[in-house]
Every structure is written in C-alpha cells, then in structure tokens.
Amino acid sequence: MNKSKHGLYFLLTICLTIVIFLIFAPSYNLVNFINALFYVFLLLLVITLFIYTKKGGFFDGVTFGFRRFLSMMSNDYMEEWKEKPAPSEKVNPSFYKIMQFQTITTFVLLGLLLIIYYYI
C-alpha cells in the first residue's frame, strides 16, 4: 500500500470526523471537535484490535469446535467442515495495515489537539 492511499484514507477519516462534529455537536468549539475525533478513534481502535485478535488465531479453536459440533448434531458426517479456512486465514493484511495506520495517525492527531487545548 503506497503512502498516497494512506493519506487518502486519513483524509476520509478527517472528513467523517467533521461530519460527525457538524451533525452532533451542541456548539462548534475545539472540545466538541476533540470529542468527535475521539469517537472516530475509538471505533478505529476497536476494529483494529478485533482484526489483530482474529489474525492471531484466537477464534480458530472456537470456530473449529462449533463447526465440528454442528456437523455432529446435523448428522452430516461429511468432512467438508474440516476444509473450510480458519478465521485467521481470512484476514486481509492490506486492510489490517490500513486500519493500523488510521488508528495510529488518529491517535497522534487526537494527542496534538489535546496538547493544543490544554496549553491555549
């Protein structure tokens, strides 16, 4: 993934933050913009941490157990459930990199805005 795409996605993140700010802010000031940016950052953080957990194979054992259980309970003794890929094999590495970059840059921007707010 090249840097221009990362910049484009970061610009979309900022635009989403501005839209949330304009729609939901009771008054237009720096505090409410920081709050809107925090909501976007929190959503990005949750998505990134979920992808990281999924990529690490945490859900593979649970998925395997459920597939085996459903195969046994449905009297379907076909072994095709063993051939399905595990959740950790379905993670798109480029999407994870994009989400990771978005989360880190949004966190840095949030930190900078908080420093500006507390020192002005």
Foldseek 3Di string as FASTA:
>chain_A
DDPVVLVVVLVVLLVQLVVCLVPPPPDDDLVSSLVSLVVSLVVLVVVLVVLVCLLVPVCQVVQLVVLVVVCVVVVPPDPVSVVDDGSNVPRDVVVSVSSVSNNVVSVVVSVVSVVVVVVD
